Amino acid sequence: MEDMVVRLAVRINSFVYADGTRAMNKINLDIRKGEFAGILGSNGSGKTTLLKIMDGLIKDFQGTVHLDGRDVQKLSPKEIFSKAGLIFQSPDEQLFAGSVSEDVAFGPLNMGLKGKEVARRVKEALDDVELAGYEAKSIHNLSYGQKKRVCIAGLLAMGHEIILLDEPTAGLDPMGEYRMMSLLKKLNTEKQVTIVMATHSVDLVPVFLDKLYILSKGSIVRGGTPEEVFSAPDDMADVRLRLPQIAELIYRLKHEDKMAFEKIPLTIGEARREIMRITSGTG
């Protein structure tokens, strides 16, 4: 990656819930400018809590989170939200206005922006999330996936350069999942939006993400590129996660059926090339 500037530097020693449950423990995580990173973990692993700490919504933790070098525990919500924002798993927790345009305009208006600038930002943000023409549509008449896109548009309209998402594909059918991930990748590559998403969907990860971190019981237990992280299926099983389906198949063919795969492919395209190499005798 050309620009290695760290936008979010997360150093969490611990975070304990009011009931005494330890939720976070020894988190060391750097999110760099322009990255599309994933926090992968099973339910209850601490993904949502980690995102809330990164966004400054939880501040009573031991450690530091720096946003562009500044401690979020000492920043006002306005200072944080001018750069970074969190989208919750359920869009209904964030959408409250009557129409799409009113909801997307809410943030810019509260930033003190005026009519023409707000209208420009709303239009551009809706274009970016492929909802042009939906300005007057009632929020209640949108599909679940469209509601999630409106939430993203609301952050884009405020000029957010860092978007944190909690399970952005939850509640979507397989095609909806793929469209959402494609949209996020487009925002990442074309708009240079830095994205961190929490997910437990292992099959979508290798196609889209630059970096992947495995979260288990509030700790990062593995991190790197998807290829590096998924190279250890036993470690995945230890944290109640599996390999992507295509990787699981090839792993078994390699280790149980002794087929001569040089690596474990993570996508259908990679698997096809490896199979063609083996069957054509070029390996």
Protein backbone atom coordinates (compact mmCIF):
# COMPACT_ATOMS: atom_id res chain seq x y z
CA MET A 1 0.00 0.00 0.00
CA GLU A 2 1.46 3.33 -1.04
CA ASP A 3 0.33 5.42 1.92
CA MET A 4 1.22 3.78 5.23
CA VAL A 5 0.00 6.61 7.48
CA VAL A 6 -1.68 5.18 10.57
CA ARG A 7 -5.14 6.73 11.01
CA LEU A 8 -6.21 4.65 14.02
CA ALA A 9 -3.69 3.30 16.53
CA VAL A 10 -5.45 1.04 19.04
CA ARG A 11 -3.66 -0.03 22.23
CA ILE A 12 -6.19 -1.49 24.66
CA ASN A 13 -4.81 -3.08 27.82
CA SER A 14 -8.23 -4.02 29.14
CA PHE A 15 -11.89 -3.09 29.26
CA VAL A 16 -14.24 -4.52 31.87
CA TYR A 17 -18.03 -4.33 31.77
CA ALA A 18 -19.94 -3.02 34.80
CA ASP A 19 -20.74 -6.59 35.85
CA GLY A 20 -17.03 -7.44 36.04
CA THR A 21 -16.80 -9.30 32.72
CA ARG A 22 -13.49 -8.67 30.94
CA ALA A 23 -14.39 -7.71 27.37
CA MET A 24 -11.07 -6.54 25.91
CA ASN A 25 -7.54 -7.67 26.67
CA LYS A 26 -4.22 -6.59 25.11
CA ILE A 27 -5.42 -5.28 21.75
CA ASN A 28 -2.65 -3.91 19.53
CA LEU A 29 -4.02 -2.74 16.19
CA ASP A 30 -3.03 -0.18 13.55
CA ILE A 31 -5.46 0.86 10.82
CA ARG A 32 -3.64 2.61 7.99
CA LYS A 33 -4.92 5.18 5.56
CA GLY A 34 -6.74 3.60 2.64
CA GLU A 35 -6.99 0.12 4.18
CA PHE A 36 -10.01 -2.13 4.00
CA ALA A 37 -9.65 -4.13 7.21
CA GLY A 38 -11.82 -6.75 8.82
CA ILE A 39 -12.29 -7.82 12.43
CA LEU A 40 -13.37 -11.45 12.19
CA GLY A 41 -14.81 -13.22 15.19
CA SER A 42 -17.63 -15.46 16.34
CA ASN A 43 -20.61 -14.03 18.22
CA GLY A 44 -19.57 -12.77 21.64
CA SER A 45 -15.92 -12.29 20.69
CA GLY A 46 -16.02 -8.54 21.37
CA LYS A 47 -16.25 -7.11 17.84
CA THR A 48 -18.94 -4.51 18.59
CA THR A 49 -17.22 -3.39 21.78
CA LEU A 50 -13.94 -2.91 19.92
CA LEU A 51 -15.62 -0.78 17.24
CA LYS A 52 -17.30 1.38 19.89
CA ILE A 53 -13.95 1.95 21.60
CA MET A 54 -12.35 2.87 18.27
CA ASP A 55 -15.16 5.36 17.61
CA GLY A 56 -14.95 6.97 21.04
CA LEU A 57 -18.36 5.73 22.18
CA ILE A 58 -16.71 3.79 25.02
CA LYS A 59 -14.01 5.73 26.84
CA ASP A 60 -13.61 4.01 30.21
CA PHE A 61 -11.03 1.48 29.01
CA GLN A 62 -7.41 1.03 30.00
CA GLY A 63 -5.12 2.00 27.16
CA THR A 64 -5.18 4.46 24.27
CA VAL A 65 -6.80 4.92 20.88
CA HIS A 66 -5.25 7.59 18.71
CA LEU A 67 -7.10 9.10 15.76
CA ASP A 68 -4.55 10.79 13.51
CA GLY A 69 -2.23 10.99 16.50
CA ARG A 70 -4.78 12.44 18.94
CA ASP A 71 -6.17 10.53 21.92
CA VAL A 72 -9.89 9.86 21.38
CA GLN A 73 -10.44 9.81 25.15
CA LYS A 74 -9.59 13.51 25.11
CA LEU A 75 -11.47 14.44 21.93
CA SER A 76 -15.02 15.74 21.81
CA PRO A 77 -17.63 13.72 19.88
CA LYS A 78 -17.63 16.44 17.22
CA GLU A 79 -13.86 16.15 16.76
CA ILE A 80 -14.12 12.38 16.37
CA PHE A 81 -17.18 12.40 14.12
CA SER A 82 -15.59 14.92 11.77
CA LYS A 83 -13.30 12.10 10.64
CA ALA A 84 -14.73 8.75 11.71
CA GLY A 85 -18.14 7.21 12.21
CA LEU A 86 -19.68 3.90 13.20
CA ILE A 87 -22.57 2.17 11.46
CA PHE A 88 -24.43 -0.23 13.72
CA GLN A 89 -25.55 -3.68 12.69
CA SER A 90 -29.21 -2.66 12.50
CA PRO A 91 -29.81 0.42 10.33
CA ASP A 92 -33.06 1.10 12.20
CA GLU A 93 -30.96 2.19 15.19
CA GLN A 94 -29.58 5.10 13.15
CA LEU A 95 -32.30 6.14 10.71
CA PHE A 96 -34.97 8.43 12.09
CA ALA A 97 -35.95 11.04 9.47
CA GLY A 98 -38.96 10.67 7.21
CA SER A 99 -37.19 10.64 3.86
CA VAL A 100 -33.83 9.55 2.51
CA SER A 101 -32.63 13.08 1.76
CA GLU A 102 -33.65 14.37 5.21
CA ASP A 103 -31.73 11.61 6.93
CA VAL A 104 -28.57 12.06 4.86
CA ALA A 105 -28.76 15.85 5.28
CA PHE A 106 -29.04 15.69 9.07
CA GLY A 107 -25.29 15.40 9.70
CA PRO A 108 -24.15 18.18 7.35
CA LEU A 109 -26.83 20.52 8.72
CA ASN A 110 -25.63 19.86 12.27
CA MET A 111 -22.11 20.67 11.11
CA GLY A 112 -23.42 24.15 10.33
CA LEU A 113 -23.40 23.77 6.55
CA LYS A 114 -25.93 25.65 4.45
CA GLY A 115 -28.48 24.81 1.76
CA LYS A 116 -26.50 24.45 -1.48
CA GLU A 117 -23.54 22.73 0.15
CA VAL A 118 -25.82 20.33 2.03
CA ALA A 119 -27.73 19.53 -1.18
CA ARG A 120 -24.47 18.90 -3.03
CA ARG A 121 -23.22 16.57 -0.33
CA VAL A 122 -26.50 14.65 -0.15
CA LYS A 123 -26.55 14.16 -3.91
CA GLU A 124 -22.91 13.07 -4.06
CA ALA A 125 -23.29 10.68 -1.11
CA LEU A 126 -26.40 9.04 -2.58
CA ASP A 127 -24.60 8.70 -5.91
CA ASP A 128 -21.72 7.02 -4.09
CA VAL A 129 -23.98 4.41 -2.49
CA GLU A 130 -25.96 3.88 -5.73
CA LEU A 131 -29.19 5.41 -4.42
CA ALA A 132 -29.48 8.35 -6.82
CA GLY A 133 -33.16 9.15 -7.34
CA TYR A 134 -34.17 7.94 -3.88
CA GLU A 135 -34.06 11.39 -2.26
CA ALA A 136 -37.81 11.68 -1.64
CA LYS A 137 -38.40 8.03 -0.81
CA SER A 138 -39.69 7.22 2.66
CA ILE A 139 -37.20 5.45 4.93
CA HIS A 140 -39.95 2.98 5.87
CA ASN A 141 -40.33 1.88 2.25
CA LEU A 142 -36.68 0.94 1.78
CA SER A 143 -35.33 -2.59 1.81
CA TYR A 144 -32.97 -3.60 4.61
CA GLY A 145 -29.97 -3.31 2.31
CA GLN A 146 -31.06 0.12 1.09
CA LYS A 147 -31.37 1.30 4.69
CA LYS A 148 -27.78 0.24 5.31
CA ARG A 149 -26.71 2.22 2.25
CA VAL A 150 -28.50 5.32 3.55
CA CYS A 151 -26.55 4.98 6.82
CA ILE A 152 -23.30 4.90 4.84
CA ALA A 153 -24.42 7.91 2.79
CA GLY A 154 -25.05 9.85 5.99
CA LEU A 155 -21.42 9.43 7.03
CA LEU A 156 -20.10 10.20 3.56
CA ALA A 157 -22.14 13.41 3.47
CA MET A 158 -20.36 14.55 6.62
CA GLY A 159 -17.03 13.97 4.92
CA HIS A 160 -16.03 10.95 6.97
CA GLU A 161 -12.74 9.46 5.80
CA ILE A 162 -12.94 6.47 8.16
CA ILE A 163 -16.02 4.26 8.34
CA LEU A 164 -16.46 1.55 10.96
CA LEU A 165 -19.17 -1.02 10.25
CA ASP A 166 -20.65 -3.63 12.56
CA GLU A 167 -21.70 -6.69 10.52
CA PRO A 168 -22.61 -4.72 7.35
CA THR A 169 -23.82 -7.87 5.55
CA ALA A 170 -26.00 -9.16 8.41
CA GLY A 171 -29.62 -9.66 7.39
CA LEU A 172 -28.86 -9.63 3.67
CA ASP A 173 -29.33 -12.48 1.20
CA PRO A 174 -26.21 -13.80 -0.61
CA MET A 175 -26.60 -11.40 -3.54
CA GLY A 176 -27.21 -8.53 -1.14
CA GLU A 177 -24.06 -9.47 0.77
CA TYR A 178 -21.99 -9.42 -2.39
CA ARG A 179 -23.46 -6.07 -3.51
CA MET A 180 -22.77 -4.51 -0.12
CA MET A 181 -19.16 -5.72 -0.11
CA SER A 182 -18.69 -4.55 -3.69
CA LEU A 183 -20.01 -1.12 -2.72
CA LEU A 184 -17.66 -0.88 0.25
CA LYS A 185 -14.70 -1.93 -1.89
CA LYS A 186 -15.63 0.71 -4.46
CA LEU A 187 -15.76 3.41 -1.77
CA ASN A 188 -12.40 2.19 -0.50
CA THR A 189 -10.64 2.16 -3.87
CA GLU A 190 -12.32 5.07 -5.67
CA LYS A 191 -13.05 7.43 -2.76
CA GLN A 192 -10.06 6.40 -0.62
CA VAL A 193 -12.34 5.78 2.37
CA THR A 194 -10.59 3.80 5.10
CA ILE A 195 -12.92 0.99 6.19
CA VAL A 196 -12.95 -1.28 9.22
CA MET A 197 -15.72 -3.86 9.37
CA ALA A 198 -16.61 -6.41 12.01
CA THR A 199 -17.92 -9.65 10.59
CA HIS A 200 -18.26 -13.39 11.13
CA SER A 201 -18.76 -14.07 7.41
CA VAL A 202 -15.54 -15.82 6.38
CA ASP A 203 -16.50 -16.48 2.76
CA LEU A 204 -16.65 -12.82 1.71
CA VAL A 205 -13.43 -11.80 3.45
CA PRO A 206 -10.73 -12.99 1.02
CA VAL A 207 -12.34 -11.41 -2.02
CA PHE A 208 -12.44 -7.87 -0.65
CA LEU A 209 -10.23 -7.20 2.38
CA ASP A 210 -6.60 -6.02 2.57
CA LYS A 211 -6.06 -6.93 6.22
CA LEU A 212 -7.80 -9.31 8.57
CA TYR A 213 -7.67 -9.65 12.35
CA ILE A 214 -9.10 -12.57 14.30
CA LEU A 215 -10.75 -11.53 17.56
CA SER A 216 -11.40 -14.16 20.23
CA LYS A 217 -12.50 -13.51 23.81
CA GLY A 218 -11.54 -9.85 23.49
CA SER A 219 -8.02 -10.43 22.15
CA ILE A 220 -6.48 -10.28 18.68
CA VAL A 221 -5.11 -13.79 18.19
CA ARG A 222 -4.00 -13.54 14.56
CA GLY A 223 -3.58 -10.78 11.97
CA GLY A 224 -2.26 -10.15 8.47
CA THR A 225 -3.47 -10.55 4.92
CA PRO A 226 -6.38 -13.00 4.45
CA GLU A 227 -3.91 -15.46 2.93
CA GLU A 228 -1.69 -15.30 6.02
CA VAL A 229 -4.58 -15.57 8.47
CA PHE A 230 -6.29 -18.46 6.73
CA SER A 231 -3.09 -20.49 6.42
CA ALA A 232 -3.71 -22.06 9.83
CA PRO A 233 -7.07 -23.89 9.90
CA ASP A 234 -6.37 -25.35 13.33
CA ASP A 235 -6.05 -21.84 14.76
CA MET A 236 -9.37 -20.94 13.13
CA ALA A 237 -11.05 -23.94 14.71
CA ASP A 238 -9.65 -22.97 18.11
CA VAL A 239 -11.61 -19.68 17.94
CA ARG A 240 -14.79 -21.31 16.58
CA LEU A 241 -14.31 -20.14 13.01
CA ARG A 242 -13.86 -22.12 9.81
CA LEU A 243 -11.94 -21.51 6.62
CA PRO A 244 -13.75 -20.04 3.60
CA GLN A 245 -15.63 -22.90 1.92
CA ILE A 246 -13.37 -23.07 -1.13
CA ALA A 247 -10.27 -23.09 1.09
CA GLU A 248 -11.77 -25.83 3.28
CA LEU A 249 -12.31 -28.01 0.20
CA ILE A 250 -8.78 -27.51 -1.16
CA TYR A 251 -7.23 -27.99 2.29
CA ARG A 252 -8.89 -31.41 2.55
CA LEU A 253 -7.93 -32.37 -0.99
CA LYS A 254 -4.34 -31.45 -0.21
CA HIS A 255 -3.96 -33.04 3.22
CA GLU A 256 -6.42 -35.94 3.09
CA ASP A 257 -6.34 -36.86 -0.62
CA LYS A 258 -2.70 -35.80 -1.16
CA MET A 259 -3.39 -33.62 -4.21
CA ALA A 260 -0.40 -31.46 -5.09
CA PHE A 261 -1.69 -28.00 -4.31
CA GLU A 262 1.14 -25.52 -3.77
CA LYS A 263 -1.04 -23.22 -1.66
CA ILE A 264 -4.53 -23.07 -0.24
CA PRO A 265 -6.57 -20.78 -2.54
CA LEU A 266 -9.18 -18.54 -0.94
CA THR A 267 -11.29 -17.65 -3.97
CA ILE A 268 -12.91 -19.62 -6.77
CA GLY A 269 -10.59 -17.98 -9.32
CA GLU A 270 -7.48 -19.01 -7.40
CA ALA A 271 -8.83 -22.55 -6.90
CA ARG A 272 -9.60 -22.87 -10.61
CA ARG A 273 -6.04 -21.87 -11.54
CA GLU A 274 -4.55 -24.35 -9.07
CA ILE A 275 -6.79 -27.18 -10.29
CA MET A 276 -5.97 -26.39 -13.92
CA ARG A 277 -2.26 -26.40 -13.06
CA ILE A 278 -2.49 -29.82 -11.41
CA THR A 279 -4.69 -31.48 -14.02
CA SER A 280 -2.68 -30.11 -16.96
CA GLY A 281 0.54 -31.46 -15.50
CA THR A 282 2.32 -28.09 -15.44
CA GLY A 283 2.95 -28.23 -11.68
